[in-house]
PDB file of N, CA and C in Angstrom:
ATOM      1  N   MET A   1      90.326  21.463 -34.346  1.00  0.00           N
ATOM      2  CA  MET A   1      89.484  20.644 -33.081  1.00  0.00           C
ATOM      3  C   MET A   1      90.424  20.904 -31.748  1.00  0.00           C
ATOM      4  N   GLU A   2      89.818  21.540 -30.830  1.00  0.00           N
ATOM      5  CA  GLU A   2      90.578  21.729 -29.400  1.00  0.00           C
ATOM      6  C   GLU A   2      90.150  20.713 -28.365  1.00  0.00           C
ATOM      7  N   LYS A   3      91.080  19.961 -27.834  1.00  0.00           N
ATOM      8  CA  LYS A   3      91.339  18.969 -26.986  1.00  0.00           C
ATOM      9  C   LYS A   3      90.932  19.726 -25.482  1.00  0.00           C
ATOM     10  N   ASN A   4      90.286  18.498 -25.073  1.00  0.00           N
ATOM     11  CA  ASN A   4      89.802  19.115 -23.465  1.00  0.00           C
ATOM     12  C   ASN A   4      90.794  17.879 -22.655  1.00  0.00           C
ATOM     13  N   TYR A   5      91.315  18.263 -21.841  1.00  0.00           N
ATOM     14  CA  TYR A   5      91.833  17.301 -20.740  1.00  0.00           C
ATOM     15  C   TYR A   5      91.562  17.609 -19.482  1.00  0.00           C
ATOM     16  N   ILE A   6      91.125  16.704 -18.780  1.00  0.00           N
ATOM     17  CA  ILE A   6      90.615  16.325 -17.437  1.00  0.00           C
ATOM     18  C   ILE A   6      91.745  15.484 -16.833  1.00  0.00           C
ATOM     19  N   LYS A   7      92.269  15.786 -15.536  1.00  0.00           N
ATOM     20  CA  LYS A   7      92.943  15.015 -14.822  1.00  0.00           C
ATOM     21  C   LYS A   7      92.407  14.217 -14.074  1.00  0.00           C
ATOM     22  N   PHE A   8      92.867  12.866 -13.976  1.00  0.00           N
ATOM     23  CA  PHE A   8      92.266  11.709 -13.532  1.00  0.00           C
ATOM     24  C   PHE A   8      91.636  12.058 -12.058  1.00  0.00           C
ATOM     25  N   SER A   9      92.659  12.506 -11.626  1.00  0.00           N
ATOM     26  CA  SER A   9      92.233  12.666  -9.853  1.00  0.00           C
ATOM     27  C   SER A   9      91.055  13.704  -9.451  1.00  0.00           C
ATOM     28  N   ASN A  10      90.310  14.695 -10.933  1.00  0.00           N
ATOM     29  CA  ASN A  10      89.601  15.628 -10.742  1.00  0.00           C
ATOM     30  C   ASN A  10      88.613  15.061 -11.591  1.00  0.00           C
ATOM     31  N   ILE A  11      88.137  13.803 -12.023  1.00  0.00           N
ATOM     32  CA  ILE A  11      86.831  13.601 -12.749  1.00  0.00           C
ATOM     33  C   ILE A  11      86.232  13.056 -11.729  1.00  0.00           C
ATOM     34  N   SER A  12      84.802  12.919 -11.914  1.00  0.00           N
ATOM     35  CA  SER A  12      83.635  12.379 -11.330  1.00  0.00           C
ATOM     36  C   SER A  12      83.269  11.269 -12.151  1.00  0.00           C
ATOM     37  N   TYR A  13      82.542  10.459 -11.571  1.00  0.00           N
ATOM     38  CA  TYR A  13      82.015   9.266 -12.123  1.00  0.00           C
ATOM     39  C   TYR A  13      81.322   9.513 -13.126  1.00  0.00           C
ATOM     40  N   LYS A  14      80.091  10.608 -12.831  1.00  0.00           N
ATOM     41  CA  LYS A  14      79.391  10.842 -13.718  1.00  0.00           C
ATOM     42  C   LYS A  14      80.002  11.594 -15.431  1.00  0.00           C
ATOM     43  N   ILE A  15      81.275  12.452 -15.195  1.00  0.00           N
ATOM     44  CA  ILE A  15      81.597  12.776 -16.234  1.00  0.00           C
ATOM     45  C   ILE A  15      82.592  11.297 -16.887  1.00  0.00           C
ATOM     46  N   LEU A  16      83.042  10.784 -16.069  1.00  0.00           N
ATOM     47  CA  LEU A  16      83.520   9.240 -16.873  1.00  0.00           C
ATOM     48  C   LEU A  16      82.597   8.486 -17.572  1.00  0.00           C
ATOM     49  N   LYS A  17      81.435   8.438 -17.174  1.00  0.00           N
ATOM     50  CA  LYS A  17      80.487   7.686 -17.915  1.00  0.00           C
ATOM     51  C   LYS A  17      79.919   8.394 -19.192  1.00  0.00           C
ATOM     52  N   GLU A  18      80.298   9.787 -19.331  1.00  0.00           N
ATOM     53  CA  GLU A  18      79.667  10.283 -20.445  1.00  0.00           C
ATOM     54  C   GLU A  18      81.147  10.477 -21.462  1.00  0.00           C
ATOM     55  N   ILE A  19      82.169  10.079 -20.931  1.00  0.00           N
ATOM     56  CA  ILE A  19      83.339  10.148 -21.757  1.00  0.00           C
ATOM     57  C   ILE A  19      83.608   8.476 -22.437  1.00  0.00           C
ATOM     58  N   ILE A  20      83.563   7.471 -21.442  1.00  0.00           N
ATOM     59  CA  ILE A  20      83.490   6.251 -21.832  1.00  0.00           C
ATOM     60  C   ILE A  20      82.286   5.427 -21.643  1.00  0.00           C
ATOM     61  N   ASP A  21      82.293   4.302 -22.411  1.00  0.00           N
ATOM     62  CA  ASP A  21      81.367   3.129 -21.934  1.00  0.00           C
ATOM     63  C   ASP A  21      81.894   2.229 -20.855  1.00  0.00           C
ATOM     64  N   ILE A  22      81.162   2.431 -19.397  1.00  0.00           N
ATOM     65  CA  ILE A  22      81.392   1.908 -18.411  1.00  0.00           C
ATOM     66  C   ILE A  22      80.529   0.802 -18.358  1.00  0.00           C
ATOM     67  N   LYS A  23      80.573  -0.200 -18.008  1.00  0.00           N
ATOM     68  CA  LYS A  23      79.527  -1.592 -17.732  1.00  0.00           C
ATOM     69  C   LYS A  23      80.145  -2.177 -16.472  1.00  0.00           C
ATOM     70  N   GLN A  24      79.068  -2.745 -15.425  1.00  0.00           N
ATOM     71  CA  GLN A  24      79.231  -3.624 -14.687  1.00  0.00           C
ATOM     72  C   GLN A  24      79.567  -4.775 -14.820  1.00  0.00           C
ATOM     73  N   VAL A  25      80.748  -5.385 -14.166  1.00  0.00           N
ATOM     74  CA  VAL A  25      80.837  -7.089 -14.428  1.00  0.00           C
ATOM     75  C   VAL A  25      80.199  -7.929 -13.488  1.00  0.00           C
ATOM     76  N   ARG A  26      79.232  -8.538 -14.064  1.00  0.00           N
ATOM     77  CA  ARG A  26      78.350  -9.329 -13.255  1.00  0.00           C
ATOM     78  C   ARG A  26      78.693 -10.724 -13.009  1.00  0.00           C
ATOM     79  N   SER A  27      79.679 -11.081 -14.089  1.00  0.00           N
ATOM     80  CA  SER A  27      80.518 -12.694 -13.810  1.00  0.00           C
ATOM     81  C   SER A  27      81.953 -12.322 -13.791  1.00  0.00           C
ATOM     82  N   ARG A  28      82.447 -12.916 -12.558  1.00  0.00           N
ATOM     83  CA  ARG A  28      83.811 -12.966 -12.062  1.00  0.00           C
ATOM     84  C   ARG A  28      84.597 -13.693 -13.293  1.00  0.00           C
ATOM     85  N   GLU A  29      83.961 -14.468 -13.746  1.00  0.00           N
ATOM     86  CA  GLU A  29      84.640 -15.835 -14.600  1.00  0.00           C
ATOM     87  C   GLU A  29      85.690 -14.894 -15.740  1.00  0.00           C
ATOM     88  N   ILE A  30      85.588 -13.632 -16.241  1.00  0.00           N
ATOM     89  CA  ILE A  30      86.608 -13.346 -17.064  1.00  0.00           C
ATOM     90  C   ILE A  30      87.942 -13.172 -16.441  1.00  0.00           C
ATOM     91  N   PHE A  31      87.887 -13.038 -15.077  1.00  0.00           N
ATOM     92  CA  PHE A  31      88.805 -12.768 -14.347  1.00  0.00           C
ATOM     93  C   PHE A  31      89.649 -14.214 -13.925  1.00  0.00           C
ATOM     94  N   ASN A  32      89.218 -15.108 -14.122  1.00  0.00           N
ATOM     95  CA  ASN A  32      90.011 -16.480 -14.054  1.00  0.00           C
ATOM     96  C   ASN A  32      91.156 -16.782 -14.529  1.00  0.00           C
ATOM     97  N   GLU A  33      91.349 -16.269 -15.646  1.00  0.00           N
ATOM     98  CA  GLU A  33      92.627 -16.252 -16.407  1.00  0.00           C
ATOM     99  C   GLU A  33      93.600 -15.435 -15.829  1.00  0.00           C
ATOM    100  N   TRP A  34      93.423 -14.178 -15.303  1.00  0.00           N
ATOM    101  CA  TRP A  34      94.154 -13.331 -14.202  1.00  0.00           C
ATOM    102  C   TRP A  34      94.610 -13.989 -13.094  1.00  0.00           C
ATOM    103  N   PHE A  35      93.955 -14.239 -12.554  1.00  0.00           N
ATOM    104  CA  PHE A  35      94.102 -14.650 -10.758  1.00  0.00           C
ATOM    105  C   PHE A  35      94.462 -16.411 -10.702  1.00  0.00           C
ATOM    106  N   ASP A  36      93.988 -16.933 -12.272  1.00  0.00           N
ATOM    107  CA  ASP A  36      94.673 -18.525 -11.698  1.00  0.00           C
ATOM    108  C   ASP A  36      95.988 -18.666 -12.104  1.00  0.00           C
ATOM    109  N   PHE A  37      96.553 -17.633 -12.989  1.00  0.00           N
ATOM    110  CA  PHE A  37      97.812 -17.648 -13.429  1.00  0.00           C
ATOM    111  C   PHE A  37      99.015 -18.135 -12.567  1.00  0.00           C
ATOM    112  N   LYS A  38      99.523 -19.024 -13.117  1.00  0.00           N
ATOM    113  CA  LYS A  38     100.919 -19.506 -11.927  1.00  0.00           C
ATOM    114  C   LYS A  38     102.195 -18.965 -12.724  1.00  0.00           C
ATOM    115  N   PHE A  39     102.158 -18.467 -11.477  1.00  0.00           N
ATOM    116  CA  PHE A  39     103.895 -18.020 -11.402  1.00  0.00           C
ATOM    117  C   PHE A  39     104.990 -18.145 -10.515  1.00  0.00           C
ATOM    118  N   GLU A  40     105.927 -18.887 -10.903  1.00  0.00           N
ATOM    119  CA  GLU A  40     107.088 -19.066 -10.370  1.00  0.00           C
ATOM    120  C   GLU A  40     107.896 -17.937  -9.944  1.00  0.00           C
ATOM    121  N   ILE A  41     108.400 -17.904  -8.849  1.00  0.00           N
ATOM    122  CA  ILE A  41     109.034 -16.831  -8.404  1.00  0.00           C
ATOM    123  C   ILE A  41     110.496 -17.563  -7.796  1.00  0.00           C
ATOM    124  N   ASN A  42     111.500 -17.008  -8.725  1.00  0.00           N
ATOM    125  CA  ASN A  42     112.898 -17.419  -8.707  1.00  0.00           C
ATOM    126  C   ASN A  42     113.210 -16.758  -7.455  1.00  0.00           C
ATOM    127  N   LYS A  43     114.664 -17.120  -7.121  1.00  0.00           N
ATOM    128  CA  LYS A  43     115.453 -16.435  -6.006  1.00  0.00           C
ATOM    129  C   LYS A  43     115.556 -14.959  -5.858  1.00  0.00           C
ATOM    130  N   TYR A  44     115.851 -14.471  -7.285  1.00  0.00           N
ATOM    131  CA  TYR A  44     116.147 -13.307  -7.384  1.00  0.00           C
ATOM    132  C   TYR A  44     114.985 -12.687  -7.411  1.00  0.00           C
ATOM    133  N   ASP A  45     113.831 -12.670  -7.860  1.00  0.00           N
ATOM    134  CA  ASP A  45     112.588 -12.399  -7.797  1.00  0.00           C
ATOM    135  C   ASP A  45     112.491 -12.117  -5.837  1.00  0.00           C
ATOM    136  N   GLU A  46     112.449 -13.268  -5.366  1.00  0.00           N
ATOM    137  CA  GLU A  46     112.096 -13.600  -3.922  1.00  0.00           C
ATOM    138  C   GLU A  46     112.975 -12.336  -3.150  1.00  0.00           C
ATOM    139  N   LYS A  47     114.446 -12.039  -3.417  1.00  0.00           N
ATOM    140  CA  LYS A  47     115.019 -11.234  -2.384  1.00  0.00           C
ATOM    141  C   LYS A  47     114.452  -9.943  -2.878  1.00  0.00           C
ATOM    142  N   PHE A  48     114.234  -9.698  -4.226  1.00  0.00           N
ATOM    143  CA  PHE A  48     113.996  -8.354  -4.717  1.00  0.00           C
ATOM    144  C   PHE A  48     112.727  -7.894  -3.736  1.00  0.00           C
ATOM    145  N   LEU A  49     111.551  -8.755  -3.972  1.00  0.00           N
ATOM    146  CA  LEU A  49     110.179  -8.347  -3.213  1.00  0.00           C
ATOM    147  C   LEU A  49     110.758  -8.453  -1.730  1.00  0.00           C
ATOM    148  N   ILE A  50     111.215  -9.536  -1.071  1.00  0.00           N
ATOM    149  CA  ILE A  50     111.425  -9.190   0.539  1.00  0.00           C
ATOM    150  C   ILE A  50     112.403  -7.869   0.535  1.00  0.00           C
ATOM    151  N   LYS A  51     113.335  -7.158  -0.203  1.00  0.00           N
ATOM    152  CA  LYS A  51     113.909  -5.997   0.167  1.00  0.00           C
ATOM    153  C   LYS A  51     112.733  -5.076  -0.215  1.00  0.00           C
ATOM    154  N   LEU A  52     111.856  -5.225  -1.123  1.00  0.00           N
ATOM    155  CA  LEU A  52     110.985  -3.978  -1.369  1.00  0.00           C
ATOM    156  C   LEU A  52     109.942  -4.032  -0.205  1.00  0.00           C
ATOM    157  N   ILE A  53     109.482  -4.953   0.506  1.00  0.00           N
ATOM    158  CA  ILE A  53     108.760  -4.985   1.371  1.00  0.00           C
ATOM    159  C   ILE A  53     109.557  -4.514   2.750  1.00  0.00           C
ATOM    160  N   LYS A  54     110.748  -4.850   3.030  1.00  0.00           N
ATOM    161  CA  LYS A  54     111.480  -4.190   3.969  1.00  0.00           C
ATOM    162  C   LYS A  54     111.529  -2.394   4.066  1.00  0.00           C
ATOM    163  N   ILE A  55     111.736  -2.041   2.448  1.00  0.00           N
ATOM    164  CA  ILE A  55     111.998  -0.797   2.382  1.00  0.00           C
ATOM    165  C   ILE A  55     110.646   0.024   2.554  1.00  0.00           C
ATOM    166  N   THR A  56     109.380  -0.330   1.997  1.00  0.00           N
ATOM    167  CA  THR A  56     108.330   0.121   2.219  1.00  0.00           C
ATOM    168  C   THR A  56     107.294  -0.167   3.333  1.00  0.00           C
ATOM    169  N   VAL A  57     107.978  -0.802   4.294  1.00  0.00           N
ATOM    170  CA  VAL A  57     107.071  -1.593   5.446  1.00  0.00           C
ATOM    171  C   VAL A  57     106.640  -0.484   5.886  1.00  0.00           C
ATOM    172  N   ILE A  58     106.912   0.727   6.236  1.00  0.00           N
ATOM    173  CA  ILE A  58     106.096   1.959   6.963  1.00  0.00           C
ATOM    174  C   ILE A  58     104.684   2.413   6.338  1.00  0.00           C
ATOM    175  N   LEU A  59     105.045   1.942   4.864  1.00  0.00           N
ATOM    176  CA  LEU A  59     103.601   2.468   3.852  1.00  0.00           C
ATOM    177  C   LEU A  59     102.612   1.265   3.976  1.00  0.00           C
ATOM    178  N   LEU A  60     103.118   0.175   3.809  1.00  0.00           N
ATOM    179  CA  LEU A  60     102.441  -1.142   4.036  1.00  0.00           C
ATOM    180  C   LEU A  60     101.492  -1.024   5.236  1.00  0.00           C
ATOM    181  N   ILE A  61     101.978  -0.566   6.402  1.00  0.00           N
ATOM    182  CA  ILE A  61     101.003  -0.666   7.679  1.00  0.00           C
ATOM    183  C   ILE A  61     100.271   0.247   7.753  1.00  0.00           C
ATOM    184  N   GLN A  62     100.013   1.516   6.793  1.00  0.00           N
ATOM    185  CA  GLN A  62      98.978   2.176   6.752  1.00  0.00           C
ATOM    186  C   GLN A  62      97.854   1.852   6.143  1.00  0.00           C
ATOM    187  N   PHE A  63      98.007   0.397   5.236  1.00  0.00           N
ATOM    188  CA  PHE A  63      96.788  -0.023   4.636  1.00  0.00           C
ATOM    189  C   PHE A  63      96.245  -1.148   5.133  1.00  0.00           C
TER     190      PHE A  63
END
């Protein structure tokens, strides 16, 4: 059996729907667990994130 490969950057929504079952999320409650997660940022993480932001500030400005 031959496998077909499709580059994600080249795929259309129509083709994607043919490959997988996509359903619209009508209730956002399913995301509550993800977005309500309480995460403590320690000093190491804080320093890392500040350094990362400083390094990528030029890219962030574009958004």
